[in-house]
Amino acid sequence: MTGDPLICFAALNNIHDDFESPGKLSEYRKDAKTANTHTIDVKPRDMVNLNVDLGQMGVGGDNSWGALIHPKYRLLDKKYEYSFRIRPVIKDDDILKLAKEKF
């Protein structure tokens, strides 16, 4: 896979919702140890989910009590554009050459 600009991607045997915990996590719950989803609780699916991202903004500041994300980790533009090309890799492909191709 190549992107313009460089992109981030993940191929998982799960969808992102599989990792979400039920209910409001901003409130303390007595059943938190059993209600929250942990990575060891998530069972692989019989599929591959490809997630392609241009970028990812940080999830929090210096604490977990509402501190803002540092400016250098924020996505502040109103509009973003990117493109990517994906194709299967075949036996005799030169992977490094393919990764450097412009499109």
PDB file of N, CA and C in Angstrom:
ATOM      1  N   MET A   1       0.855  -1.163   0.000  1.00  0.00           N
ATOM      2  CA  MET A   1       0.000   0.000   0.000  1.00  0.00           C
ATOM      3  C   MET A   1       0.902   1.227   0.000  1.00  0.00           C
ATOM      4  N   THR A   2       0.560   2.199  -0.823  1.00  0.00           N
ATOM      5  CA  THR A   2       1.268   3.473  -0.818  1.00  0.00           C
ATOM      6  C   THR A   2       0.245   4.579  -0.675  1.00  0.00           C
ATOM      7  N   GLY A   3       0.669   5.692  -0.129  1.00  0.00           N
ATOM      8  CA  GLY A   3      -0.252   6.800   0.076  1.00  0.00           C
ATOM      9  C   GLY A   3       0.384   8.122  -0.256  1.00  0.00           C
ATOM     10  N   ASP A   4      -0.455   9.099  -0.525  1.00  0.00           N
ATOM     11  CA  ASP A   4       0.001  10.449  -0.823  1.00  0.00           C
ATOM     12  C   ASP A   4      -0.831  11.421  -0.005  1.00  0.00           C
ATOM     13  N   PRO A   5      -0.361  11.941   1.119  1.00  0.00           N
ATOM     14  CA  PRO A   5       0.941  11.723   1.748  1.00  0.00           C
ATOM     15  C   PRO A   5       0.982  10.342   2.408  1.00  0.00           C
ATOM     16  N   LEU A   6       2.071  10.058   3.136  1.00  0.00           N
ATOM     17  CA  LEU A   6       2.148   8.791   3.846  1.00  0.00           C
ATOM     18  C   LEU A   6       0.943   8.649   4.760  1.00  0.00           C
ATOM     19  N   ILE A   7       0.457   7.438   4.890  1.00  0.00           N
ATOM     20  CA  ILE A   7      -0.744   7.199   5.678  1.00  0.00           C
ATOM     21  C   ILE A   7      -0.474   6.123   6.721  1.00  0.00           C
ATOM     22  N   CYS A   8      -1.416   5.954   7.589  1.00  0.00           N
ATOM     23  CA  CYS A   8      -1.369   4.935   8.621  1.00  0.00           C
ATOM     24  C   CYS A   8      -2.464   3.913   8.325  1.00  0.00           C
ATOM     25  N   PHE A   9      -2.172   2.647   8.495  1.00  0.00           N
ATOM     26  CA  PHE A   9      -3.219   1.654   8.299  1.00  0.00           C
ATOM     27  C   PHE A   9      -3.025   0.493   9.256  1.00  0.00           C
ATOM     28  N   ALA A  10      -4.102  -0.253   9.457  1.00  0.00           N
ATOM     29  CA  ALA A  10      -4.065  -1.445  10.298  1.00  0.00           C
ATOM     30  C   ALA A  10      -4.961  -2.501   9.666  1.00  0.00           C
ATOM     31  N   ALA A  11      -4.531  -3.730   9.681  1.00  0.00           N
ATOM     32  CA  ALA A  11      -5.333  -4.861   9.221  1.00  0.00           C
ATOM     33  C   ALA A  11      -5.553  -5.769  10.424  1.00  0.00           C
ATOM     34  N   LEU A  12      -6.811  -5.907  10.829  1.00  0.00           N
ATOM     35  CA  LEU A  12      -7.143  -6.665  12.035  1.00  0.00           C
ATOM     36  C   LEU A  12      -8.204  -7.712  11.743  1.00  0.00           C
ATOM     37  N   ASN A  13      -8.241  -8.738  12.557  1.00  0.00           N
ATOM     38  CA  ASN A  13      -9.308  -9.733  12.474  1.00  0.00           C
ATOM     39  C   ASN A  13     -10.485  -9.323  13.343  1.00  0.00           C
ATOM     40  N   ASN A  14     -10.680  -8.024  13.490  1.00  0.00           N
ATOM     41  CA  ASN A  14     -11.772  -7.482  14.287  1.00  0.00           C
ATOM     42  C   ASN A  14     -12.187  -6.146  13.707  1.00  0.00           C
ATOM     43  N   ILE A  15     -13.359  -5.688  14.131  1.00  0.00           N
ATOM     44  CA  ILE A  15     -13.766  -4.315  13.840  1.00  0.00           C
ATOM     45  C   ILE A  15     -13.479  -3.492  15.097  1.00  0.00           C
ATOM     46  N   HIS A  16     -13.355  -2.204  14.948  1.00  0.00           N
ATOM     47  CA  HIS A  16     -12.998  -1.358  16.092  1.00  0.00           C
ATOM     48  C   HIS A  16     -14.027  -1.437  17.217  1.00  0.00           C
ATOM     49  N   ASP A  17     -15.299  -1.619  16.878  1.00  0.00           N
ATOM     50  CA  ASP A  17     -16.329  -1.715  17.914  1.00  0.00           C
ATOM     51  C   ASP A  17     -16.113  -2.901  18.842  1.00  0.00           C
ATOM     52  N   ASP A  18     -15.404  -3.936  18.386  1.00  0.00           N
ATOM     53  CA  ASP A  18     -15.136  -5.086  19.250  1.00  0.00           C
ATOM     54  C   ASP A  18     -14.340  -4.690  20.491  1.00  0.00           C
ATOM     55  N   PHE A  19     -13.606  -3.602  20.411  1.00  0.00           N
ATOM     56  CA  PHE A  19     -12.751  -3.169  21.514  1.00  0.00           C
ATOM     57  C   PHE A  19     -13.423  -2.121  22.411  1.00  0.00           C
ATOM     58  N   GLU A  20     -14.657  -1.739  22.090  1.00  0.00           N
ATOM     59  CA  GLU A  20     -15.368  -0.727  22.866  1.00  0.00           C
ATOM     60  C   GLU A  20     -16.037  -1.359  24.075  1.00  0.00           C
ATOM     61  N   SER A  21     -16.054  -0.656  25.177  1.00  0.00           N
ATOM     62  CA  SER A  21     -16.745  -1.109  26.381  1.00  0.00           C
ATOM     63  C   SER A  21     -18.161  -0.569  26.384  1.00  0.00           C
ATOM     64  N   PRO A  22     -19.103  -1.334  26.930  1.00  0.00           N
ATOM     65  CA  PRO A  22     -20.491  -0.870  26.978  1.00  0.00           C
ATOM     66  C   PRO A  22     -20.684   0.219  28.027  1.00  0.00           C
ATOM     67  N   GLY A  23     -21.648   1.076  27.803  1.00  0.00           N
ATOM     68  CA  GLY A  23     -22.006   2.083  28.796  1.00  0.00           C
ATOM     69  C   GLY A  23     -21.111   3.298  28.786  1.00  0.00           C
ATOM     70  N   LYS A  24     -21.315   4.162  29.779  1.00  0.00           N
ATOM     71  CA  LYS A  24     -20.533   5.385  29.911  1.00  0.00           C
ATOM     72  C   LYS A  24     -19.301   5.123  30.755  1.00  0.00           C
ATOM     73  N   LEU A  25     -18.148   5.232  30.135  1.00  0.00           N
ATOM     74  CA  LEU A  25     -16.920   5.005  30.882  1.00  0.00           C
ATOM     75  C   LEU A  25     -16.504   6.214  31.700  1.00  0.00           C
ATOM     76  N   SER A  26     -17.176   7.362  31.474  1.00  0.00           N
ATOM     77  CA  SER A  26     -16.829   8.554  32.231  1.00  0.00           C
ATOM     78  C   SER A  26     -17.379   8.498  33.654  1.00  0.00           C
ATOM     79  N   GLU A  27     -18.227   7.502  33.919  1.00  0.00           N
ATOM     80  CA  GLU A  27     -18.780   7.347  35.261  1.00  0.00           C
ATOM     81  C   GLU A  27     -18.239   6.058  35.876  1.00  0.00           C
ATOM     82  N   TYR A  28     -18.000   6.065  37.170  1.00  0.00           N
ATOM     83  CA  TYR A  28     -17.547   4.849  37.836  1.00  0.00           C
ATOM     84  C   TYR A  28     -18.660   3.817  37.806  1.00  0.00           C
ATOM     85  N   ARG A  29     -18.286   2.588  37.528  1.00  0.00           N
ATOM     86  CA  ARG A  29     -19.254   1.495  37.508  1.00  0.00           C
ATOM     87  C   ARG A  29     -18.754   0.375  38.402  1.00  0.00           C
ATOM     88  N   LYS A  30     -19.639  -0.172  39.216  1.00  0.00           N
ATOM     89  CA  LYS A  30     -19.250  -1.285  40.089  1.00  0.00           C
ATOM     90  C   LYS A  30     -18.881  -2.525  39.281  1.00  0.00           C
ATOM     91  N   ASP A  31     -19.441  -2.647  38.066  1.00  0.00           N
ATOM     92  CA  ASP A  31     -19.159  -3.831  37.241  1.00  0.00           C
ATOM     93  C   ASP A  31     -18.041  -3.569  36.221  1.00  0.00           C
ATOM     94  N   ALA A  32     -17.216  -2.552  36.466  1.00  0.00           N
ATOM     95  CA  ALA A  32     -16.193  -2.151  35.487  1.00  0.00           C
ATOM     96  C   ALA A  32     -15.246  -3.287  35.122  1.00  0.00           C
ATOM     97  N   LYS A  33     -14.899  -4.126  36.087  1.00  0.00           N
ATOM     98  CA  LYS A  33     -13.943  -5.201  35.791  1.00  0.00           C
ATOM     99  C   LYS A  33     -14.526  -6.243  34.841  1.00  0.00           C
ATOM    100  N   THR A  34     -15.832  -6.394  34.820  1.00  0.00           N
ATOM    101  CA  THR A  34     -16.436  -7.382  33.913  1.00  0.00           C
ATOM    102  C   THR A  34     -17.101  -6.727  32.707  1.00  0.00           C
ATOM    103  N   ALA A  35     -17.519  -5.469  32.816  1.00  0.00           N
ATOM    104  CA  ALA A  35     -18.218  -4.803  31.708  1.00  0.00           C
ATOM    105  C   ALA A  35     -17.253  -4.242  30.672  1.00  0.00           C
ATOM    106  N   ASN A  36     -16.084  -3.807  31.110  1.00  0.00           N
ATOM    107  CA  ASN A  36     -15.130  -3.220  30.180  1.00  0.00           C
ATOM    108  C   ASN A  36     -14.473  -4.304  29.329  1.00  0.00           C
ATOM    109  N   THR A  37     -14.226  -3.966  28.075  1.00  0.00           N
ATOM    110  CA  THR A  37     -13.596  -4.908  27.166  1.00  0.00           C
ATOM    111  C   THR A  37     -12.085  -4.774  27.249  1.00  0.00           C
ATOM    112  N   HIS A  38     -11.418  -5.877  27.444  1.00  0.00           N
ATOM    113  CA  HIS A  38      -9.963  -5.922  27.458  1.00  0.00           C
ATOM    114  C   HIS A  38      -9.502  -6.688  26.222  1.00  0.00           C
ATOM    115  N   THR A  39      -8.300  -6.415  25.763  1.00  0.00           N
ATOM    116  CA  THR A  39      -7.835  -7.054  24.531  1.00  0.00           C
ATOM    117  C   THR A  39      -7.865  -8.581  24.627  1.00  0.00           C
ATOM    118  N   ILE A  40      -7.659  -9.136  25.811  1.00  0.00           N
ATOM    119  CA  ILE A  40      -7.702 -10.599  25.936  1.00  0.00           C
ATOM    120  C   ILE A  40      -9.126 -11.147  25.825  1.00  0.00           C
ATOM    121  N   ASP A  41     -10.139 -10.278  25.969  1.00  0.00           N
ATOM    122  CA  ASP A  41     -11.536 -10.693  25.870  1.00  0.00           C
ATOM    123  C   ASP A  41     -12.039 -10.721  24.427  1.00  0.00           C
ATOM    124  N   VAL A  42     -11.331 -10.070  23.533  1.00  0.00           N
ATOM    125  CA  VAL A  42     -11.798  -9.923  22.151  1.00  0.00           C
ATOM    126  C   VAL A  42     -11.382 -11.134  21.333  1.00  0.00           C
ATOM    127  N   LYS A  43     -12.370 -11.790  20.730  1.00  0.00           N
ATOM    128  CA  LYS A  43     -12.117 -12.976  19.914  1.00  0.00           C
ATOM    129  C   LYS A  43     -11.975 -12.574  18.450  1.00  0.00           C
ATOM    130  N   PRO A  44     -10.979 -13.131  17.747  1.00  0.00           N
ATOM    131  CA  PRO A  44     -10.803 -12.811  16.325  1.00  0.00           C
ATOM    132  C   PRO A  44     -12.018 -13.242  15.505  1.00  0.00           C
ATOM    133  N   ARG A  45     -12.338 -12.462  14.492  1.00  0.00           N
ATOM    134  CA  ARG A  45     -13.421 -12.786  13.557  1.00  0.00           C
ATOM    135  C   ARG A  45     -12.823 -13.460  12.326  1.00  0.00           C
ATOM    136  N   ASP A  46     -13.672 -14.112  11.565  1.00  0.00           N
ATOM    137  CA  ASP A  46     -13.238 -14.758  10.328  1.00  0.00           C
ATOM    138  C   ASP A  46     -13.301 -13.734   9.192  1.00  0.00           C
ATOM    139  N   MET A  47     -12.496 -12.698   9.305  1.00  0.00           N
ATOM    140  CA  MET A  47     -12.453 -11.628   8.317  1.00  0.00           C
ATOM    141  C   MET A  47     -11.242 -10.762   8.593  1.00  0.00           C
ATOM    142  N   VAL A  48     -10.900  -9.918   7.627  1.00  0.00           N
ATOM    143  CA  VAL A  48      -9.829  -8.946   7.828  1.00  0.00           C
ATOM    144  C   VAL A  48     -10.425  -7.570   7.587  1.00  0.00           C
ATOM    145  N   ASN A  49     -10.313  -6.696   8.575  1.00  0.00           N
ATOM    146  CA  ASN A  49     -10.810  -5.335   8.489  1.00  0.00           C
ATOM    147  C   ASN A  49      -9.614  -4.419   8.248  1.00  0.00           C
ATOM    148  N   LEU A  50      -9.615  -3.720   7.125  1.00  0.00           N
ATOM    149  CA  LEU A  50      -8.535  -2.799   6.796  1.00  0.00           C
ATOM    150  C   LEU A  50      -8.979  -1.389   7.141  1.00  0.00           C
ATOM    151  N   ASN A  51      -8.256  -0.737   8.021  1.00  0.00           N
ATOM    152  CA  ASN A  51      -8.554   0.625   8.427  1.00  0.00           C
ATOM    153  C   ASN A  51      -7.444   1.532   7.894  1.00  0.00           C
ATOM    154  N   VAL A  52      -7.815   2.531   7.084  1.00  0.00           N
ATOM    155  CA  VAL A  52      -6.844   3.443   6.476  1.00  0.00           C
ATOM    156  C   VAL A  52      -7.091   4.838   7.030  1.00  0.00           C
ATOM    157  N   ASP A  53      -6.041   5.449   7.592  1.00  0.00           N
ATOM    158  CA  ASP A  53      -6.151   6.780   8.188  1.00  0.00           C
ATOM    159  C   ASP A  53      -5.083   7.702   7.621  1.00  0.00           C
ATOM    160  N   LEU A  54      -5.448   8.959   7.430  1.00  0.00           N
ATOM    161  CA  LEU A  54      -4.453   9.975   7.096  1.00  0.00           C
ATOM    162  C   LEU A  54      -3.643  10.319   8.343  1.00  0.00           C
ATOM    163  N   GLY A  55      -4.309  10.420   9.457  1.00  0.00           N
ATOM    164  CA  GLY A  55      -3.637  10.774  10.697  1.00  0.00           C
ATOM    165  C   GLY A  55      -4.522  10.453  11.871  1.00  0.00           C
ATOM    166  N   GLN A  56      -3.974  10.604  13.053  1.00  0.00           N
ATOM    167  CA  GLN A  56      -4.727  10.346  14.265  1.00  0.00           C
ATOM    168  C   GLN A  56      -4.387  11.421  15.279  1.00  0.00           C
ATOM    169  N   MET A  57      -5.422  11.970  15.876  1.00  0.00           N
ATOM    170  CA  MET A  57      -5.216  12.984  16.899  1.00  0.00           C
ATOM    171  C   MET A  57      -5.019  12.281  18.234  1.00  0.00           C
ATOM    172  N   GLY A  58      -4.241  12.866  19.100  1.00  0.00           N
ATOM    173  CA  GLY A  58      -4.034  12.302  20.428  1.00  0.00           C
ATOM    174  C   GLY A  58      -5.345  12.139  21.173  1.00  0.00           C
ATOM    175  N   VAL A  59      -5.347  11.307  22.196  1.00  0.00           N
ATOM    176  CA  VAL A  59      -6.577  11.030  22.929  1.00  0.00           C
ATOM    177  C   VAL A  59      -6.715  11.828  24.218  1.00  0.00           C
ATOM    178  N   GLY A  60      -5.686  12.540  24.634  1.00  0.00           N
ATOM    179  CA  GLY A  60      -5.796  13.322  25.851  1.00  0.00           C
ATOM    180  C   GLY A  60      -4.535  14.105  26.125  1.00  0.00           C
ATOM    181  N   GLY A  61      -4.628  14.940  27.099  1.00  0.00           N
ATOM    182  CA  GLY A  61      -3.487  15.775  27.457  1.00  0.00           C
ATOM    183  C   GLY A  61      -2.579  15.074  28.448  1.00  0.00           C
ATOM    184  N   ASP A  62      -2.147  15.821  29.452  1.00  0.00           N
ATOM    185  CA  ASP A  62      -1.195  15.290  30.423  1.00  0.00           C
ATOM    186  C   ASP A  62      -1.854  14.527  31.565  1.00  0.00           C
ATOM    187  N   ASN A  63      -3.160  14.552  31.609  1.00  0.00           N
ATOM    188  CA  ASN A  63      -3.848  13.816  32.655  1.00  0.00           C
ATOM    189  C   ASN A  63      -5.145  13.251  32.084  1.00  0.00           C
ATOM    190  N   SER A  64      -5.881  12.550  32.863  1.00  0.00           N
ATOM    191  CA  SER A  64      -7.141  11.970  32.390  1.00  0.00           C
ATOM    192  C   SER A  64      -8.353  12.759  32.892  1.00  0.00           C
ATOM    193  N   TRP A  65      -8.135  14.020  33.284  1.00  0.00           N
ATOM    194  CA  TRP A  65      -9.216  14.827  33.851  1.00  0.00           C
ATOM    195  C   TRP A  65      -9.592  15.989  32.960  1.00  0.00           C
ATOM    196  N   GLY A  66      -9.427  15.856  31.668  1.00  0.00           N
ATOM    197  CA  GLY A  66      -9.900  16.881  30.768  1.00  0.00           C
ATOM    198  C   GLY A  66      -8.849  17.807  30.202  1.00  0.00           C
ATOM    199  N   ALA A  67      -7.574  17.560  30.454  1.00  0.00           N
ATOM    200  CA  ALA A  67      -6.528  18.402  29.862  1.00  0.00           C
ATOM    201  C   ALA A  67      -6.584  18.278  28.349  1.00  0.00           C
ATOM    202  N   LEU A  68      -6.411  19.391  27.654  1.00  0.00           N
ATOM    203  CA  LEU A  68      -6.455  19.381  26.199  1.00  0.00           C
ATOM    204  C   LEU A  68      -5.228  18.690  25.612  1.00  0.00           C
ATOM    205  N   ILE A  69      -5.398  18.195  24.420  1.00  0.00           N
ATOM    206  CA  ILE A  69      -4.303  17.573  23.677  1.00  0.00           C
ATOM    207  C   ILE A  69      -3.312  18.661  23.309  1.00  0.00           C
ATOM    208  N   HIS A  70      -2.031  18.375  23.420  1.00  0.00           N
ATOM    209  CA  HIS A  70      -1.016  19.355  23.035  1.00  0.00           C
ATOM    210  C   HIS A  70      -1.199  19.738  21.566  1.00  0.00           C
ATOM    211  N   PRO A  71      -1.036  21.024  21.225  1.00  0.00           N
ATOM    212  CA  PRO A  71      -1.283  21.496  19.850  1.00  0.00           C
ATOM    213  C   PRO A  71      -0.574  20.690  18.765  1.00  0.00           C
ATOM    214  N   LYS A  72       0.646  20.233  19.013  1.00  0.00           N
ATOM    215  CA  LYS A  72       1.366  19.503  17.964  1.00  0.00           C
ATOM    216  C   LYS A  72       0.733  18.137  17.669  1.00  0.00           C
ATOM    217  N   TYR A  73      -0.172  17.655  18.526  1.00  0.00           N
ATOM    218  CA  TYR A  73      -0.836  16.373  18.308  1.00  0.00           C
ATOM    219  C   TYR A  73      -2.284  16.519  17.858  1.00  0.00           C
ATOM    220  N   ARG A  74      -2.737  17.735  17.620  1.00  0.00           N
ATOM    221  CA  ARG A  74      -4.126  17.974  17.199  1.00  0.00           C
ATOM    222  C   ARG A  74      -4.246  17.996  15.679  1.00  0.00           C
ATOM    223  N   LEU A  75      -5.410  17.620  15.194  1.00  0.00           N
ATOM    224  CA  LEU A  75      -5.755  17.776  13.778  1.00  0.00           C
ATOM    225  C   LEU A  75      -6.671  18.995  13.712  1.00  0.00           C
ATOM    226  N   LEU A  76      -6.144  20.100  13.239  1.00  0.00           N
ATOM    227  CA  LEU A  76      -6.859  21.370  13.328  1.00  0.00           C
ATOM    228  C   LEU A  76      -7.455  21.868  12.009  1.00  0.00           C
ATOM    229  N   ASP A  77      -7.030  21.301  10.879  1.00  0.00           N
ATOM    230  CA  ASP A  77      -7.566  21.769   9.600  1.00  0.00           C
ATOM    231  C   ASP A  77      -9.035  21.397   9.471  1.00  0.00           C
ATOM    232  N   LYS A  78      -9.786  22.190   8.715  1.00  0.00           N
ATOM    233  CA  LYS A  78     -11.210  21.928   8.494  1.00  0.00           C
ATOM    234  C   LYS A  78     -11.423  20.808   7.484  1.00  0.00           C
ATOM    235  N   LYS A  79     -10.462  20.642   6.578  1.00  0.00           N
ATOM    236  CA  LYS A  79     -10.616  19.654   5.516  1.00  0.00           C
ATOM    237  C   LYS A  79      -9.276  18.967   5.274  1.00  0.00           C
ATOM    238  N   TYR A  80      -9.329  17.659   5.103  1.00  0.00           N
ATOM    239  CA  TYR A  80      -8.140  16.869   4.798  1.00  0.00           C
ATOM    240  C   TYR A  80      -8.421  16.039   3.558  1.00  0.00           C
ATOM    241  N   GLU A  81      -7.396  15.829   2.764  1.00  0.00           N
ATOM    242  CA  GLU A  81      -7.526  14.972   1.595  1.00  0.00           C
ATOM    243  C   GLU A  81      -6.316  14.072   1.499  1.00  0.00           C
ATOM    244  N   TYR A  82      -6.551  12.858   1.083  1.00  0.00           N
ATOM    245  CA  TYR A  82      -5.460  11.938   0.792  1.00  0.00           C
ATOM    246  C   TYR A  82      -5.957  10.890  -0.184  1.00  0.00           C
ATOM    247  N   SER A  83      -5.040  10.207  -0.775  1.00  0.00           N
ATOM    248  CA  SER A  83      -5.400   9.112  -1.669  1.00  0.00           C
ATOM    249  C   SER A  83      -4.454   7.957  -1.389  1.00  0.00           C
ATOM    250  N   PHE A  84      -4.883   6.776  -1.755  1.00  0.00           N
ATOM    251  CA  PHE A  84      -4.012   5.631  -1.597  1.00  0.00           C
ATOM    252  C   PHE A  84      -4.294   4.619  -2.695  1.00  0.00           C
ATOM    253  N   ARG A  85      -3.320   3.783  -2.920  1.00  0.00           N
ATOM    254  CA  ARG A  85      -3.426   2.727  -3.911  1.00  0.00           C
ATOM    255  C   ARG A  85      -3.142   1.417  -3.190  1.00  0.00           C
ATOM    256  N   ILE A  86      -3.955   0.439  -3.479  1.00  0.00           N
ATOM    257  CA  ILE A  86      -3.752  -0.867  -2.871  1.00  0.00           C
ATOM    258  C   ILE A  86      -3.895  -1.909  -3.970  1.00  0.00           C
ATOM    259  N   ARG A  87      -2.997  -2.860  -3.950  1.00  0.00           N
ATOM    260  CA  ARG A  87      -3.075  -3.958  -4.902  1.00  0.00           C
ATOM    261  C   ARG A  87      -2.436  -5.180  -4.279  1.00  0.00           C
ATOM    262  N   PRO A  88      -2.790  -6.358  -4.749  1.00  0.00           N
ATOM    263  CA  PRO A  88      -2.167  -7.556  -4.182  1.00  0.00           C
ATOM    264  C   PRO A  88      -0.683  -7.627  -4.528  1.00  0.00           C
ATOM    265  N   VAL A  89       0.084  -8.207  -3.663  1.00  0.00           N
ATOM    266  CA  VAL A  89       1.498  -8.436  -3.917  1.00  0.00           C
ATOM    267  C   VAL A  89       1.614  -9.798  -4.590  1.00  0.00           C
ATOM    268  N   ILE A  90       2.350  -9.837  -5.689  1.00  0.00           N
ATOM    269  CA  ILE A  90       2.535 -11.108  -6.382  1.00  0.00           C
ATOM    270  C   ILE A  90       3.966 -11.601  -6.186  1.00  0.00           C
ATOM    271  N   LYS A  91       4.195 -12.828  -6.503  1.00  0.00           N
ATOM    272  CA  LYS A  91       5.441 -13.531  -6.180  1.00  0.00           C
ATOM    273  C   LYS A  91       6.709 -12.760  -6.532  1.00  0.00           C
ATOM    274  N   ASP A  92       6.824 -12.225  -7.715  1.00  0.00           N
ATOM    275  CA  ASP A  92       8.077 -11.609  -8.166  1.00  0.00           C
ATOM    276  C   ASP A  92       8.137 -10.093  -7.955  1.00  0.00           C
ATOM    277  N   ASP A  93       7.221  -9.525  -7.189  1.00  0.00           N
ATOM    278  CA  ASP A  93       7.220  -8.078  -6.954  1.00  0.00           C
ATOM    279  C   ASP A  93       8.469  -7.632  -6.191  1.00  0.00           C
ATOM    280  N   ASP A  94       8.978  -6.466  -6.568  1.00  0.00           N
ATOM    281  CA  ASP A  94      10.038  -5.808  -5.814  1.00  0.00           C
ATOM    282  C   ASP A  94       9.336  -4.836  -4.853  1.00  0.00           C
ATOM    283  N   ILE A  95       9.136  -5.265  -3.622  1.00  0.00           N
ATOM    284  CA  ILE A  95       8.341  -4.509  -2.649  1.00  0.00           C
ATOM    285  C   ILE A  95       8.914  -3.118  -2.416  1.00  0.00           C
ATOM    286  N   LEU A  96      10.228  -2.990  -2.277  1.00  0.00           N
ATOM    287  CA  LEU A  96      10.830  -1.676  -2.039  1.00  0.00           C
ATOM    288  C   LEU A  96      10.598  -0.752  -3.227  1.00  0.00           C
ATOM    289  N   LYS A  97      10.698  -1.263  -4.431  1.00  0.00           N
ATOM    290  CA  LYS A  97      10.446  -0.445  -5.615  1.00  0.00           C
ATOM    291  C   LYS A  97       8.982  -0.001  -5.674  1.00  0.00           C
ATOM    292  N   LEU A  98       8.085  -0.903  -5.383  1.00  0.00           N
ATOM    293  CA  LEU A  98       6.660  -0.555  -5.389  1.00  0.00           C
ATOM    294  C   LEU A  98       6.342   0.524  -4.354  1.00  0.00           C
ATOM    295  N   ALA A  99       6.952   0.443  -3.191  1.00  0.00           N
ATOM    296  CA  ALA A  99       6.686   1.397  -2.122  1.00  0.00           C
ATOM    297  C   ALA A  99       7.135   2.807  -2.490  1.00  0.00           C
ATOM    298  N   LYS A 100       8.112   2.917  -3.389  1.00  0.00           N
ATOM    299  CA  LYS A 100       8.651   4.225  -3.776  1.00  0.00           C
ATOM    300  C   LYS A 100       7.975   4.810  -5.022  1.00  0.00           C
ATOM    301  N   GLU A 101       7.095   4.037  -5.669  1.00  0.00           N
ATOM    302  CA  GLU A 101       6.442   4.526  -6.875  1.00  0.00           C
ATOM    303  C   GLU A 101       5.543   5.716  -6.579  1.00  0.00           C
ATOM    304  N   LYS A 102       5.569   6.688  -7.449  1.00  0.00           N
ATOM    305  CA  LYS A 102       4.653   7.833  -7.344  1.00  0.00           C
ATOM    306  C   LYS A 102       3.393   7.501  -8.126  1.00  0.00           C
ATOM    307  N   PHE A 103       2.297   8.047  -7.722  1.00  0.00           N
ATOM    308  CA  PHE A 103       1.053   7.849  -8.456  1.00  0.00           C
ATOM    309  C   PHE A 103       0.257   9.110  -8.514  1.00  0.00           C
TER     310      PHE A 103
END
